[in-house]
């Protein structure tokens, strides 16, 4: 089934381009730059985590709205978002990640997936709702040419929590990180899939950013049937999903250094954002402490002089839910621990 694309909402630039696809008119206009710098991978001491990106992080991304039609019940005068809540019965939007993206990791586990959502606060458009939920489902997937396979692991988040991550009203694009209990992923590849809210009549809506590509990695689910996006929409695309995949040292929570790892404890973990770093050193030392998010961005950086036994308080309550990495160093040794923030 080919569906009709009409308009694209954006805030950065407007460029109208008309194309003909299988007899259907596709109107594409405007796009938006990613507001953050995305690091493809990071390695800290013994801990290795890769941020997987199948899209181009330096290119603009797009939000699409579907063309209204009276041929489908509920699709007039509005049809919703091509990649998000719409009237065509699409319940999930998935993107494929090949095993080659994490082949260097030993016993890889998926710990989180960051998703780019659309919400234009000024216009009142995009992701909305207060009581509904959005899911993140991981499926086995050997190839982008085949539909998602067996379900692997999943989690959900309320729309209220997702929308709380939209703090920059100057941009319609914001990331929300779905935190997963670390789970071993298939060695042959996987799909990350957003399960959209079902109560559209109540205003529960999810809208996702995507990026056109030369090879289609996107699939969508209608009822129990999966179909690739190119078949349904005539578009080759990648969703702006950022899975965080870590090696086996992260799945256990703490790096295996013999020095600082035995002298420092982080609790509670998971945390609502208020975290205590308990330091119990044999002698006074100068230490540095940094906290980075799953995208590799530094959110806290502190230095402490001449401490031995101390409880250091960290406040991450203004940060989004997700996976963070706490690094403590004395200049000779380094400890890294994964911290989950879930409010």
Protein backbone atom coordinates (compact mmCIF):
# COMPACT_ATOMS: atom_id res chain seq x y z
CA UNK A 1 0.00 0.00 0.00
CA UNK A 2 1.39 3.40 -1.01
CA UNK A 3 0.29 6.29 1.15
CA UNK A 4 0.40 9.96 0.25
CA UNK A 5 2.80 12.45 1.82
CA UNK A 6 1.76 16.07 2.00
CA UNK A 7 3.68 18.39 4.28
CA UNK A 8 6.64 18.54 6.62
CA UNK A 9 6.71 20.73 9.71
CA UNK A 10 10.02 22.34 10.69
CA UNK A 11 11.57 25.35 12.33
CA UNK A 12 14.92 25.77 10.63
CA UNK A 13 14.61 26.09 6.88
CA UNK A 14 11.98 25.59 4.21
CA UNK A 15 12.76 24.07 0.84
CA UNK A 16 9.94 22.64 -1.27
CA UNK A 17 10.74 19.66 -3.45
CA UNK A 18 8.21 17.73 -5.49
CA UNK A 19 8.78 14.16 -6.58
CA UNK A 20 6.71 11.49 -8.26
CA UNK A 21 6.73 8.04 -6.66
CA UNK A 22 4.60 5.21 -8.06
CA UNK A 23 2.00 7.66 -9.27
CA UNK A 24 1.68 9.41 -5.91
CA UNK A 25 2.85 12.98 -5.33
CA UNK A 26 5.32 13.40 -2.50
CA UNK A 27 5.80 16.95 -1.25
CA UNK A 28 8.95 17.32 0.83
CA UNK A 29 9.94 20.56 2.47
CA UNK A 30 12.24 21.73 5.19
CA UNK A 31 14.41 19.93 7.68
CA UNK A 32 16.15 20.51 10.97
CA UNK A 33 19.72 20.22 12.14
CA UNK A 34 20.53 17.91 15.02
CA UNK A 35 20.99 20.10 18.14
CA UNK A 36 23.69 17.87 19.64
CA UNK A 37 27.01 16.44 18.58
CA UNK A 38 26.76 12.67 18.32
CA UNK A 39 29.79 10.51 19.04
CA UNK A 40 29.81 7.19 17.21
CA UNK A 41 31.52 5.40 20.08
CA UNK A 42 33.43 5.92 23.29
CA UNK A 43 35.93 4.00 25.38
CA UNK A 44 36.68 4.79 29.00
CA UNK A 45 39.21 2.60 30.78
CA UNK A 46 38.00 -0.99 30.60
CA UNK A 47 34.47 0.04 29.65
CA UNK A 48 33.50 0.20 26.00
CA UNK A 49 30.14 1.44 24.77
CA UNK A 50 29.15 2.27 21.22
CA UNK A 51 26.45 4.73 20.21
CA UNK A 52 25.12 3.19 17.01
CA UNK A 53 24.18 5.54 14.19
CA UNK A 54 22.94 4.31 10.82
CA UNK A 55 21.93 7.84 9.82
CA UNK A 56 24.30 10.70 8.99
CA UNK A 57 24.72 12.74 12.21
CA UNK A 58 26.01 15.78 10.29
CA UNK A 59 23.00 16.00 7.94
CA UNK A 60 19.58 17.48 8.61
CA UNK A 61 16.64 15.33 9.64
CA UNK A 62 12.97 15.63 8.73
CA UNK A 63 9.47 15.31 10.15
CA UNK A 64 6.74 14.16 7.74
CA UNK A 65 2.96 14.53 7.97
CA UNK A 66 0.62 12.26 6.02
CA UNK A 67 -1.85 13.51 3.43
CA UNK A 68 -5.51 13.44 4.38
CA UNK A 69 -7.72 11.08 2.37
CA UNK A 70 -11.41 10.16 2.50
CA UNK A 71 -10.60 6.69 1.17
CA UNK A 72 -9.45 5.58 4.65
CA UNK A 73 -11.78 6.05 7.63
CA UNK A 74 -10.43 8.57 10.11
CA UNK A 75 -7.93 10.05 7.63
CA UNK A 76 -9.78 13.29 6.94
CA UNK A 77 -9.19 16.15 7.51
CA UNK A 78 -5.89 15.05 9.12
CA UNK A 79 -3.95 11.84 8.71
CA UNK A 80 -1.24 12.29 11.35
CA UNK A 81 2.50 11.70 11.06
CA UNK A 82 4.12 9.35 8.58
CA UNK A 83 6.59 8.24 11.24
CA UNK A 84 4.51 8.43 14.39
CA UNK A 85 0.82 8.37 15.23
CA UNK A 86 -1.36 8.23 12.11
CA UNK A 87 -4.74 7.00 10.87
CA UNK A 88 -3.36 4.05 8.87
CA UNK A 89 -3.15 1.71 11.85
CA UNK A 90 0.64 1.82 12.17
CA UNK A 91 1.54 0.68 15.67
CA UNK A 92 5.37 0.50 15.52
CA UNK A 93 8.23 2.17 13.68
CA UNK A 94 11.46 0.15 13.56
CA UNK A 95 15.00 0.74 12.32
CA UNK A 96 17.60 -1.95 11.60
CA UNK A 97 21.13 -2.07 13.04
CA UNK A 98 23.60 -4.48 11.47
CA UNK A 99 25.90 -6.59 13.61
CA UNK A 100 28.91 -4.88 12.02
CA UNK A 101 28.08 -1.78 14.10
CA UNK A 102 29.05 -3.55 17.33
CA UNK A 103 31.30 -6.38 16.10
CA UNK A 104 34.26 -5.08 18.15
CA UNK A 105 32.42 -5.49 21.46
CA UNK A 106 32.68 -8.64 23.56
CA UNK A 107 29.32 -10.08 24.67
CA UNK A 108 27.42 -6.93 23.61
CA UNK A 109 24.39 -5.82 25.60
CA UNK A 110 21.94 -3.10 24.72
CA UNK A 111 21.45 -0.68 27.60
CA UNK A 112 19.41 2.18 26.14
CA UNK A 113 18.00 3.76 22.99
CA UNK A 114 17.80 7.53 22.46
CA UNK A 115 15.03 8.64 20.09
CA UNK A 116 14.57 12.00 18.36
CA UNK A 117 11.01 13.24 18.87
CA UNK A 118 9.24 16.21 17.30
CA UNK A 119 7.38 18.79 19.39
CA UNK A 120 6.80 22.35 18.22
CA UNK A 121 5.77 24.14 21.40
CA UNK A 122 4.89 27.43 19.70
CA UNK A 123 2.57 25.80 17.16
CA UNK A 124 1.23 23.12 19.48
CA UNK A 125 2.17 20.35 17.06
CA UNK A 126 3.93 17.02 17.40
CA UNK A 127 4.32 14.67 20.34
CA UNK A 128 1.65 15.29 22.98
CA UNK A 129 -0.42 13.70 25.73
CA UNK A 130 -0.17 13.12 29.46
CA UNK A 131 -1.46 9.64 30.31
CA UNK A 132 -0.43 7.49 27.35
CA UNK A 133 2.78 5.52 26.99
CA UNK A 134 5.39 5.01 24.29
CA UNK A 135 7.27 1.73 24.10
CA UNK A 136 10.76 0.72 23.01
CA UNK A 137 10.92 -2.84 21.68
CA UNK A 138 14.07 -4.64 20.56
CA UNK A 139 13.73 -7.41 17.96
CA UNK A 140 16.16 -9.81 16.36
CA UNK A 141 16.93 -8.77 12.79
CA UNK A 142 19.50 -10.36 10.51
CA UNK A 143 19.01 -7.93 7.62
CA UNK A 144 17.27 -4.69 6.73
CA UNK A 145 15.72 -6.62 3.83
CA UNK A 146 13.80 -8.87 6.26
CA UNK A 147 11.10 -7.95 8.77
CA UNK A 148 11.85 -7.79 12.51
CA UNK A 149 12.04 -11.24 14.08
CA UNK A 150 11.61 -12.46 17.63
CA UNK A 151 11.12 -9.94 20.43
CA UNK A 152 14.24 -9.59 22.61
CA UNK A 153 13.53 -7.00 25.32
CA UNK A 154 11.37 -3.91 25.87
CA UNK A 155 10.49 -0.99 28.10
CA UNK A 156 7.95 1.85 28.19
CA UNK A 157 7.84 5.53 29.11
CA UNK A 158 4.93 7.85 29.77
CA UNK A 159 4.29 10.67 27.35
CA UNK A 160 4.57 13.05 30.31
CA UNK A 161 8.14 11.89 31.00
CA UNK A 162 9.06 12.04 27.32
CA UNK A 163 7.72 15.58 26.94
CA UNK A 164 9.62 16.66 30.06
CA UNK A 165 12.79 16.12 28.03
CA UNK A 166 11.74 18.92 25.65
CA UNK A 167 13.48 21.80 27.42
CA UNK A 168 14.72 23.76 24.40
CA UNK A 169 11.67 25.51 22.99
CA UNK A 170 13.81 27.11 20.26
CA UNK A 171 14.08 23.68 18.63
CA UNK A 172 11.33 21.24 17.72
CA UNK A 173 13.76 18.32 18.00
CA UNK A 174 14.54 16.70 21.33
CA UNK A 175 15.91 13.35 22.47
CA UNK A 176 14.39 10.99 24.98
CA UNK A 177 16.41 8.00 26.20
CA UNK A 178 14.63 4.72 26.88
CA UNK A 179 16.62 2.89 29.56
CA UNK A 180 16.74 -0.89 29.26
CA UNK A 181 17.92 -3.50 31.71
CA UNK A 182 21.18 -4.57 29.99
CA UNK A 183 20.27 -7.45 27.70
CA UNK A 184 22.43 -9.52 25.37
CA UNK A 185 21.59 -8.67 21.77
CA UNK A 186 21.68 -11.08 18.81
CA UNK A 187 25.08 -11.41 17.21
CA UNK A 188 23.45 -11.18 13.78
CA UNK A 189 21.83 -7.75 14.18
CA UNK A 190 18.67 -6.24 15.66
CA UNK A 191 15.81 -3.79 15.21
CA UNK A 192 14.94 -0.97 17.62
CA UNK A 193 11.25 -0.14 17.40
CA UNK A 194 9.12 2.65 18.88
CA UNK A 195 5.66 1.46 19.93
CA UNK A 196 3.42 4.49 19.47
CA UNK A 197 0.51 5.43 21.78
CA UNK A 198 -2.87 3.98 20.85
CA UNK A 199 -5.34 6.51 22.29
CA UNK A 200 -5.10 9.08 19.51
CA UNK A 201 -8.64 10.28 20.23
CA UNK A 202 -7.45 11.47 23.65
CA UNK A 203 -4.62 13.45 22.05
CA UNK A 204 -1.86 10.92 22.70
CA UNK A 205 0.58 11.42 19.84
CA UNK A 206 4.17 10.53 19.02
CA UNK A 207 6.07 12.07 16.10
CA UNK A 208 9.53 10.83 15.09
CA UNK A 209 12.34 12.37 13.09
CA UNK A 210 13.85 10.48 10.19
CA UNK A 211 16.44 10.97 7.46
CA UNK A 212 16.30 9.98 3.80
CA UNK A 213 18.92 7.44 2.76
CA UNK A 214 20.18 5.42 -0.21
CA UNK A 215 19.34 2.17 1.60
CA UNK A 216 16.11 1.73 3.54
CA UNK A 217 16.51 0.49 7.13
CA UNK A 218 13.00 1.39 8.31
CA UNK A 219 10.00 -0.90 8.77
CA UNK A 220 6.51 -0.33 10.17
CA UNK A 221 3.92 -2.59 11.74
CA UNK A 222 0.20 -2.58 10.99
CA UNK A 223 -1.76 -5.09 13.05
CA UNK A 224 0.48 -8.16 13.05
CA UNK A 225 2.09 -7.42 9.68
CA UNK A 226 5.44 -5.74 9.07
CA UNK A 227 6.23 -3.91 5.84
CA UNK A 228 9.25 -1.90 4.81
CA UNK A 229 8.81 1.86 4.60
CA UNK A 230 9.83 2.00 0.95
CA UNK A 231 6.95 -0.32 0.04
CA UNK A 232 4.41 1.74 2.02
CA UNK A 233 5.62 5.27 1.40
CA UNK A 234 8.10 5.19 -1.49
CA UNK A 235 10.82 6.52 0.84
CA UNK A 236 14.20 5.06 1.76
CA UNK A 237 14.93 6.28 5.24
CA UNK A 238 16.63 5.81 8.61
CA UNK A 239 14.94 6.74 11.86
CA UNK A 240 16.91 8.93 14.27
CA UNK A 241 17.43 6.20 16.84
CA UNK A 242 20.63 5.91 18.89
CA UNK A 243 21.01 2.51 20.58
CA UNK A 244 23.68 2.33 23.28
CA UNK A 245 25.46 -1.04 23.09
CA UNK A 246 28.08 -1.93 25.67
CA UNK A 247 30.63 -4.70 26.13
CA UNK A 248 30.44 -7.26 28.92
CA UNK A 249 32.35 -5.05 31.40
CA UNK A 250 29.48 -2.57 31.45
CA UNK A 251 26.78 -5.21 31.85
CA UNK A 252 28.22 -5.97 35.30
CA UNK A 253 28.05 -2.29 36.22
CA UNK A 254 31.60 -1.38 37.17
CA UNK A 255 35.01 -1.51 35.57
CA UNK A 256 37.53 -4.05 36.81
CA UNK A 257 40.35 -1.69 37.79
CA UNK A 258 42.16 -2.85 40.92
CA UNK A 259 42.60 0.62 42.42
CA UNK A 260 39.75 3.09 42.66
CA UNK A 261 37.01 0.57 41.84
CA UNK A 262 37.30 -0.99 45.31
CA UNK A 263 37.42 2.39 47.08
CA UNK A 264 34.41 4.15 45.55
CA UNK A 265 30.71 3.30 45.64
CA UNK A 266 27.90 5.04 43.75
CA UNK A 267 24.41 4.82 45.21
CA UNK A 268 21.54 4.58 44.81
CA UNK A 269 21.68 3.00 41.37
CA UNK A 270 19.21 3.25 39.69
CA UNK A 271 18.59 6.75 40.99
CA UNK A 272 15.93 9.43 40.66
CA UNK A 273 18.76 11.92 40.06
CA UNK A 274 20.18 12.55 43.53
CA UNK A 275 23.33 10.43 43.75
CA UNK A 276 25.95 9.88 46.46
CA UNK A 277 29.51 8.96 45.53
CA UNK A 278 31.02 7.35 48.62
CA UNK A 279 34.83 7.73 48.65
CA UNK A 280 36.95 5.67 51.05
CA UNK A 281 40.63 6.09 50.12
CA UNK A 282 43.65 4.77 52.05
CA UNK A 283 45.26 8.24 51.93
CA UNK A 284 44.29 11.75 50.86
CA UNK A 285 44.28 12.31 47.14
CA UNK A 286 43.15 14.83 44.56
CA UNK A 287 40.43 13.37 42.35
CA UNK A 288 38.34 14.47 39.39
CA UNK A 289 34.76 13.34 38.81
CA UNK A 290 32.85 13.61 35.56
CA UNK A 291 29.43 12.42 34.44
CA UNK A 292 28.62 11.88 30.76
CA UNK A 293 25.33 10.92 29.17
CA UNK A 294 24.74 8.13 26.67
CA UNK A 295 25.56 10.48 23.78
CA UNK A 296 29.00 11.19 25.22
CA UNK A 297 28.11 14.71 26.40
CA UNK A 298 29.61 15.84 29.71
CA UNK A 299 26.94 16.99 32.17
CA UNK A 300 29.02 17.25 35.38
CA UNK A 301 32.73 17.94 35.91
CA UNK A 302 34.11 18.45 39.42
CA UNK A 303 37.52 18.37 41.12
CA UNK A 304 38.16 17.58 44.78
CA UNK A 305 41.45 18.26 46.56
CA UNK A 306 42.96 16.28 49.43
CA UNK A 307 40.07 13.97 50.25
CA UNK A 308 40.17 10.48 51.76
CA UNK A 309 36.79 9.64 53.29
CA UNK A 310 33.99 11.66 51.81
CA UNK A 311 30.43 11.48 50.49
CA UNK A 312 30.14 13.52 47.29
CA UNK A 313 26.62 14.53 46.26
CA UNK A 314 25.60 14.76 42.61
CA UNK A 315 22.37 16.30 41.33
CA UNK A 316 21.11 14.89 38.03
CA UNK A 317 17.46 15.73 38.60
CA UNK A 318 17.53 18.22 35.73
CA UNK A 319 18.81 15.56 33.34
CA UNK A 320 16.69 13.24 31.21
CA UNK A 321 16.07 9.65 32.22
CA UNK A 322 18.68 7.32 30.78
CA UNK A 323 22.13 5.81 31.11
CA UNK A 324 25.03 7.91 32.42
CA UNK A 325 28.69 7.11 33.06
CA UNK A 326 30.41 8.32 36.24
CA UNK A 327 34.20 8.53 35.91
CA UNK A 328 36.49 9.08 38.89
CA UNK A 329 40.24 9.55 38.40
CA UNK A 330 43.22 10.36 40.60
CA UNK A 331 45.55 10.90 37.65
CA UNK A 332 46.99 7.38 37.87
CA UNK A 333 43.91 5.19 38.05
CA UNK A 334 40.40 5.54 36.70
CA UNK A 335 37.08 4.03 37.68
CA UNK A 336 33.97 4.07 35.48
CA UNK A 337 30.51 3.01 36.57
CA UNK A 338 27.25 2.99 34.68
CA UNK A 339 24.46 4.92 36.41
CA UNK A 340 20.79 4.70 35.51
CA UNK A 341 18.59 7.76 36.12
CA UNK A 342 14.88 6.90 36.23
CA UNK A 343 12.52 9.50 37.68
